[in-house]
Amino acid sequence: MKRLKKMASANEVTKRRWAIRICLEKNYDETCAALMADRLESLLDYMQYGYAVVAHRRQDGGFRLVRATLLPYEHAFGRKYDIGRVTGAVVYWDVDRQAWSSFQVENFLEWKPII
């Protein structure tokens, strides 16, 4: 039971850190940034077990819509995926390019599961 509480609080700290970064980089209000952080957390939880369509902005301002997953993460990096390690960039496996790619936390827009 204690372990579960500790993990939940660590995820809350991580989400709060993302929200602060989003507020600073995009000048969004705290409510909007918190919603974006919640959506990002749900995306990362889902991609560990499935495929998703992810919309995000590129560093140059361009728009990207990708099919992404984290299924090969453990095999490629030799450890389990840890949301707490995501500080600035979200790493994902780009299904179409068959390569690892990433986007900045503040550039995340939206996602939908692929069924």
N, C-alpha and C. Protein backbone atom coordinates (compact mmCIF):
# COMPACT_ATOMS: atom_id res chain seq x y z
N MET A 1 0.82 -1.19 0.00
CA MET A 1 0.00 0.00 0.00
C MET A 1 0.87 1.26 0.00
N LYS A 2 1.95 1.26 0.80
CA LYS A 2 2.83 2.43 0.84
C LYS A 2 3.50 2.67 -0.50
N ARG A 3 3.88 1.60 -1.16
CA ARG A 3 4.54 1.73 -2.46
C ARG A 3 3.62 2.40 -3.47
N LEU A 4 2.35 2.03 -3.47
CA LEU A 4 1.38 2.62 -4.37
C LEU A 4 1.22 4.11 -4.10
N LYS A 5 1.16 4.50 -2.84
CA LYS A 5 1.05 5.92 -2.50
C LYS A 5 2.30 6.68 -2.95
N LYS A 6 3.46 6.08 -2.78
CA LYS A 6 4.71 6.73 -3.16
C LYS A 6 4.75 6.94 -4.67
N MET A 7 4.34 5.94 -5.45
CA MET A 7 4.33 6.07 -6.91
C MET A 7 3.33 7.13 -7.35
N ALA A 8 2.16 7.15 -6.72
CA ALA A 8 1.15 8.14 -7.09
C ALA A 8 1.66 9.54 -6.82
N SER A 9 2.31 9.75 -5.71
CA SER A 9 2.80 11.09 -5.40
C SER A 9 3.95 11.48 -6.34
N ALA A 10 4.77 10.51 -6.74
CA ALA A 10 5.85 10.81 -7.69
C ALA A 10 5.27 11.23 -9.04
N ASN A 11 4.20 10.57 -9.48
CA ASN A 11 3.55 10.95 -10.73
C ASN A 11 2.93 12.34 -10.62
N GLU A 12 2.38 12.67 -9.47
CA GLU A 12 1.80 14.00 -9.28
C GLU A 12 2.88 15.08 -9.33
N VAL A 13 4.03 14.80 -8.75
CA VAL A 13 5.15 15.74 -8.81
C VAL A 13 5.60 15.93 -10.25
N THR A 14 5.70 14.85 -10.99
CA THR A 14 6.10 14.92 -12.39
C THR A 14 5.10 15.73 -13.20
N LYS A 15 3.81 15.46 -13.00
CA LYS A 15 2.79 16.21 -13.73
C LYS A 15 2.84 17.69 -13.37
N ARG A 16 3.08 18.01 -12.13
CA ARG A 16 3.18 19.42 -11.71
C ARG A 16 4.37 20.08 -12.39
N ARG A 17 5.48 19.37 -12.50
CA ARG A 17 6.67 19.89 -13.17
C ARG A 17 6.38 20.17 -14.65
N TRP A 18 5.64 19.23 -15.30
CA TRP A 18 5.25 19.44 -16.69
C TRP A 18 4.37 20.68 -16.82
N ALA A 19 3.40 20.82 -15.91
CA ALA A 19 2.47 21.96 -15.97
C ALA A 19 3.22 23.28 -15.82
N ILE A 20 4.18 23.32 -14.94
CA ILE A 20 4.98 24.54 -14.76
C ILE A 20 5.75 24.84 -16.04
N ARG A 21 6.34 23.82 -16.63
CA ARG A 21 7.09 24.01 -17.88
C ARG A 21 6.18 24.52 -19.00
N ILE A 22 4.98 23.96 -19.10
CA ILE A 22 4.02 24.39 -20.11
C ILE A 22 3.61 25.84 -19.89
N CYS A 23 3.36 26.21 -18.63
CA CYS A 23 3.00 27.60 -18.32
C CYS A 23 4.11 28.56 -18.73
N LEU A 24 5.35 28.20 -18.41
CA LEU A 24 6.47 29.08 -18.71
C LEU A 24 6.76 29.19 -20.20
N GLU A 25 6.68 28.08 -20.91
CA GLU A 25 7.04 28.07 -22.33
C GLU A 25 5.92 28.59 -23.24
N LYS A 26 4.68 28.30 -22.89
CA LYS A 26 3.55 28.64 -23.77
C LYS A 26 2.67 29.76 -23.25
N ASN A 27 2.92 30.24 -22.04
CA ASN A 27 2.11 31.29 -21.41
C ASN A 27 0.65 30.88 -21.25
N TYR A 28 0.39 29.60 -21.02
CA TYR A 28 -0.96 29.11 -20.76
C TYR A 28 -1.26 29.32 -19.28
N ASP A 29 -2.56 29.36 -18.94
CA ASP A 29 -2.90 29.46 -17.53
C ASP A 29 -2.71 28.10 -16.86
N GLU A 30 -2.75 28.09 -15.54
CA GLU A 30 -2.45 26.86 -14.78
C GLU A 30 -3.46 25.75 -15.04
N THR A 31 -4.72 26.10 -15.23
CA THR A 31 -5.75 25.10 -15.47
C THR A 31 -5.51 24.37 -16.79
N CYS A 32 -5.23 25.13 -17.83
CA CYS A 32 -4.96 24.55 -19.14
C CYS A 32 -3.70 23.68 -19.10
N ALA A 33 -2.66 24.18 -18.45
CA ALA A 33 -1.41 23.42 -18.35
C ALA A 33 -1.61 22.12 -17.56
N ALA A 34 -2.42 22.17 -16.50
CA ALA A 34 -2.69 20.96 -15.72
C ALA A 34 -3.46 19.94 -16.55
N LEU A 35 -4.41 20.40 -17.37
CA LEU A 35 -5.15 19.49 -18.25
C LEU A 35 -4.22 18.86 -19.28
N MET A 36 -3.32 19.66 -19.84
CA MET A 36 -2.36 19.11 -20.81
C MET A 36 -1.45 18.08 -20.14
N ALA A 37 -1.02 18.34 -18.92
CA ALA A 37 -0.17 17.38 -18.20
C ALA A 37 -0.93 16.09 -17.92
N ASP A 38 -2.21 16.19 -17.58
CA ASP A 38 -3.04 15.00 -17.36
C ASP A 38 -3.15 14.18 -18.64
N ARG A 39 -3.39 14.86 -19.77
CA ARG A 39 -3.50 14.16 -21.06
C ARG A 39 -2.18 13.49 -21.43
N LEU A 40 -1.07 14.17 -21.15
CA LEU A 40 0.24 13.61 -21.45
C LEU A 40 0.50 12.37 -20.61
N GLU A 41 0.12 12.43 -19.34
CA GLU A 41 0.28 11.25 -18.48
C GLU A 41 -0.55 10.08 -18.99
N SER A 42 -1.79 10.35 -19.40
CA SER A 42 -2.63 9.26 -19.90
C SER A 42 -2.06 8.69 -21.20
N LEU A 43 -1.48 9.54 -22.03
CA LEU A 43 -0.82 9.06 -23.25
C LEU A 43 0.33 8.12 -22.92
N LEU A 44 1.20 8.54 -22.02
CA LEU A 44 2.36 7.73 -21.68
C LEU A 44 1.96 6.41 -21.02
N ASP A 45 0.93 6.44 -20.20
CA ASP A 45 0.42 5.19 -19.61
C ASP A 45 -0.10 4.26 -20.69
N TYR A 46 -0.83 4.80 -21.65
CA TYR A 46 -1.42 3.99 -22.71
C TYR A 46 -0.35 3.43 -23.66
N MET A 47 0.62 4.25 -24.03
CA MET A 47 1.62 3.81 -25.02
C MET A 47 2.51 2.69 -24.50
N GLN A 48 2.55 2.46 -23.21
CA GLN A 48 3.33 1.35 -22.68
C GLN A 48 2.72 0.00 -23.07
N TYR A 49 1.43 0.01 -23.45
CA TYR A 49 0.73 -1.23 -23.75
C TYR A 49 0.03 -1.23 -25.10
N GLY A 50 0.06 -0.08 -25.82
CA GLY A 50 -0.65 -0.01 -27.08
C GLY A 50 -0.12 1.08 -27.99
N TYR A 51 -0.85 1.29 -29.08
CA TYR A 51 -0.48 2.27 -30.09
C TYR A 51 -1.42 3.47 -30.03
N ALA A 52 -0.88 4.66 -30.31
CA ALA A 52 -1.68 5.88 -30.26
C ALA A 52 -1.31 6.79 -31.42
N VAL A 53 -2.25 7.64 -31.79
CA VAL A 53 -1.98 8.72 -32.74
C VAL A 53 -1.72 9.95 -31.89
N VAL A 54 -0.58 10.57 -32.11
CA VAL A 54 -0.16 11.71 -31.28
C VAL A 54 0.03 12.94 -32.17
N ALA A 55 -0.56 14.04 -31.74
CA ALA A 55 -0.38 15.32 -32.42
C ALA A 55 0.54 16.18 -31.55
N HIS A 56 1.58 16.72 -32.17
CA HIS A 56 2.49 17.61 -31.45
C HIS A 56 3.13 18.59 -32.42
N ARG A 57 3.67 19.65 -31.87
CA ARG A 57 4.40 20.62 -32.67
C ARG A 57 5.87 20.25 -32.68
N ARG A 58 6.51 20.51 -33.80
CA ARG A 58 7.95 20.31 -33.91
C ARG A 58 8.65 21.55 -33.36
N GLN A 59 9.95 21.44 -33.14
CA GLN A 59 10.71 22.57 -32.62
C GLN A 59 10.66 23.76 -33.58
N ASP A 60 10.56 23.51 -34.88
CA ASP A 60 10.53 24.59 -35.86
C ASP A 60 9.12 25.16 -36.05
N GLY A 61 8.16 24.69 -35.26
CA GLY A 61 6.79 25.20 -35.34
C GLY A 61 5.87 24.38 -36.21
N GLY A 62 6.42 23.43 -36.96
CA GLY A 62 5.61 22.57 -37.82
C GLY A 62 4.75 21.62 -37.00
N PHE A 63 3.73 21.07 -37.64
CA PHE A 63 2.80 20.14 -37.00
C PHE A 63 3.14 18.72 -37.39
N ARG A 64 3.06 17.79 -36.43
CA ARG A 64 3.29 16.37 -36.72
C ARG A 64 2.15 15.56 -36.14
N LEU A 65 1.73 14.58 -36.91
CA LEU A 65 0.74 13.60 -36.48
C LEU A 65 1.39 12.25 -36.70
N VAL A 66 1.67 11.52 -35.61
CA VAL A 66 2.43 10.28 -35.71
C VAL A 66 1.69 9.13 -35.02
N ARG A 67 1.99 7.93 -35.50
CA ARG A 67 1.57 6.71 -34.79
C ARG A 67 2.72 6.33 -33.90
N ALA A 68 2.45 6.24 -32.59
CA ALA A 68 3.53 6.06 -31.63
C ALA A 68 3.19 4.98 -30.61
N THR A 69 4.26 4.43 -30.02
CA THR A 69 4.12 3.44 -28.95
C THR A 69 5.39 3.44 -28.10
N LEU A 70 5.30 2.77 -26.96
CA LEU A 70 6.48 2.55 -26.11
C LEU A 70 6.72 1.05 -25.91
N LEU A 71 6.06 0.23 -26.70
CA LEU A 71 6.18 -1.22 -26.53
C LEU A 71 7.62 -1.72 -26.60
N PRO A 72 8.47 -1.26 -27.52
CA PRO A 72 9.85 -1.79 -27.57
C PRO A 72 10.81 -1.08 -26.62
N TYR A 73 10.33 -0.24 -25.71
CA TYR A 73 11.20 0.56 -24.85
C TYR A 73 12.12 -0.30 -23.99
N GLU A 74 11.54 -1.26 -23.28
CA GLU A 74 12.33 -2.08 -22.36
C GLU A 74 13.41 -2.87 -23.09
N HIS A 75 13.06 -3.40 -24.25
CA HIS A 75 14.04 -4.15 -25.03
C HIS A 75 15.16 -3.24 -25.55
N ALA A 76 14.81 -2.05 -26.00
CA ALA A 76 15.80 -1.14 -26.59
C ALA A 76 16.71 -0.50 -25.54
N PHE A 77 16.15 -0.14 -24.38
CA PHE A 77 16.92 0.60 -23.39
C PHE A 77 17.31 -0.21 -22.15
N GLY A 78 16.82 -1.44 -22.06
CA GLY A 78 17.22 -2.33 -20.97
C GLY A 78 16.64 -2.00 -19.62
N ARG A 79 15.57 -1.22 -19.56
CA ARG A 79 14.90 -0.92 -18.30
C ARG A 79 13.44 -0.59 -18.59
N LYS A 80 12.63 -0.68 -17.56
CA LYS A 80 11.21 -0.35 -17.70
C LYS A 80 11.04 1.15 -17.89
N TYR A 81 9.95 1.52 -18.56
CA TYR A 81 9.67 2.93 -18.79
C TYR A 81 9.25 3.58 -17.48
N ASP A 82 9.80 4.74 -17.17
CA ASP A 82 9.50 5.46 -15.94
C ASP A 82 9.06 6.88 -16.30
N ILE A 83 7.81 7.19 -16.03
CA ILE A 83 7.28 8.52 -16.34
C ILE A 83 8.06 9.60 -15.59
N GLY A 84 8.54 9.29 -14.42
CA GLY A 84 9.30 10.26 -13.63
C GLY A 84 10.57 10.74 -14.30
N ARG A 85 11.09 9.98 -15.25
CA ARG A 85 12.31 10.37 -15.96
C ARG A 85 12.04 11.37 -17.09
N VAL A 86 10.77 11.56 -17.42
CA VAL A 86 10.40 12.49 -18.49
C VAL A 86 10.41 13.91 -17.92
N THR A 87 11.44 14.65 -18.24
CA THR A 87 11.53 16.01 -17.73
C THR A 87 11.26 17.04 -18.82
N GLY A 88 11.90 16.89 -19.96
CA GLY A 88 11.74 17.88 -21.02
C GLY A 88 11.22 17.29 -22.31
N ALA A 89 11.71 16.13 -22.68
CA ALA A 89 11.33 15.51 -23.95
C ALA A 89 10.67 14.16 -23.72
N VAL A 90 9.66 13.88 -24.53
CA VAL A 90 8.96 12.60 -24.50
C VAL A 90 9.50 11.76 -25.66
N VAL A 91 10.09 10.63 -25.31
CA VAL A 91 10.63 9.71 -26.31
C VAL A 91 9.54 8.71 -26.67
N TYR A 92 9.43 8.37 -27.96
CA TYR A 92 8.45 7.39 -28.41
C TYR A 92 8.98 6.67 -29.64
N TRP A 93 8.42 5.49 -29.91
CA TRP A 93 8.75 4.74 -31.11
C TRP A 93 7.79 5.17 -32.21
N ASP A 94 8.32 5.76 -33.28
CA ASP A 94 7.52 6.19 -34.43
C ASP A 94 7.27 4.95 -35.30
N VAL A 95 6.04 4.50 -35.35
CA VAL A 95 5.68 3.27 -36.04
C VAL A 95 5.93 3.38 -37.54
N ASP A 96 5.63 4.52 -38.14
CA ASP A 96 5.79 4.69 -39.59
C ASP A 96 7.26 4.75 -39.99
N ARG A 97 8.08 5.45 -39.24
CA ARG A 97 9.50 5.59 -39.57
C ARG A 97 10.34 4.43 -39.02
N GLN A 98 9.76 3.65 -38.11
CA GLN A 98 10.48 2.54 -37.46
C GLN A 98 11.76 3.05 -36.80
N ALA A 99 11.61 4.13 -36.02
CA ALA A 99 12.75 4.73 -35.33
C ALA A 99 12.26 5.47 -34.09
N TRP A 100 13.17 5.68 -33.15
CA TRP A 100 12.85 6.46 -31.96
C TRP A 100 12.82 7.93 -32.33
N SER A 101 11.90 8.64 -31.74
CA SER A 101 11.77 10.08 -31.95
C SER A 101 11.33 10.72 -30.63
N SER A 102 11.21 12.03 -30.62
CA SER A 102 10.80 12.71 -29.39
C SER A 102 10.14 14.04 -29.71
N PHE A 103 9.47 14.57 -28.71
CA PHE A 103 8.92 15.93 -28.77
C PHE A 103 9.02 16.53 -27.38
N GLN A 104 9.04 17.85 -27.34
CA GLN A 104 9.11 18.56 -26.06
C GLN A 104 7.75 18.50 -25.36
N VAL A 105 7.77 18.41 -24.04
CA VAL A 105 6.54 18.32 -23.25
C VAL A 105 5.58 19.46 -23.61
N GLU A 106 6.10 20.67 -23.72
CA GLU A 106 5.25 21.83 -23.98
C GLU A 106 4.68 21.85 -25.40
N ASN A 107 5.20 21.00 -26.30
CA ASN A 107 4.71 20.96 -27.68
C ASN A 107 3.64 19.89 -27.91
N PHE A 108 3.29 19.15 -26.87
CA PHE A 108 2.24 18.14 -26.97
C PHE A 108 0.89 18.82 -27.20
N LEU A 109 0.09 18.26 -28.11
CA LEU A 109 -1.24 18.82 -28.38
C LEU A 109 -2.37 17.89 -27.95
N GLU A 110 -2.42 16.66 -28.51
CA GLU A 110 -3.51 15.75 -28.22
C GLU A 110 -3.14 14.34 -28.66
N TRP A 111 -3.91 13.36 -28.22
CA TRP A 111 -3.69 11.97 -28.64
C TRP A 111 -5.01 11.20 -28.64
N LYS A 112 -5.01 10.12 -29.41
CA LYS A 112 -6.15 9.19 -29.45
C LYS A 112 -5.59 7.78 -29.56
N PRO A 113 -6.23 6.80 -28.92
CA PRO A 113 -5.76 5.42 -29.05
C PRO A 113 -6.06 4.84 -30.42
N ILE A 114 -5.19 3.95 -30.87
CA ILE A 114 -5.46 3.20 -32.09
C ILE A 114 -5.98 1.83 -31.68
N ILE A 115 -7.15 1.51 -32.15
CA ILE A 115 -7.78 0.25 -31.75
C ILE A 115 -7.66 -0.76 -32.86
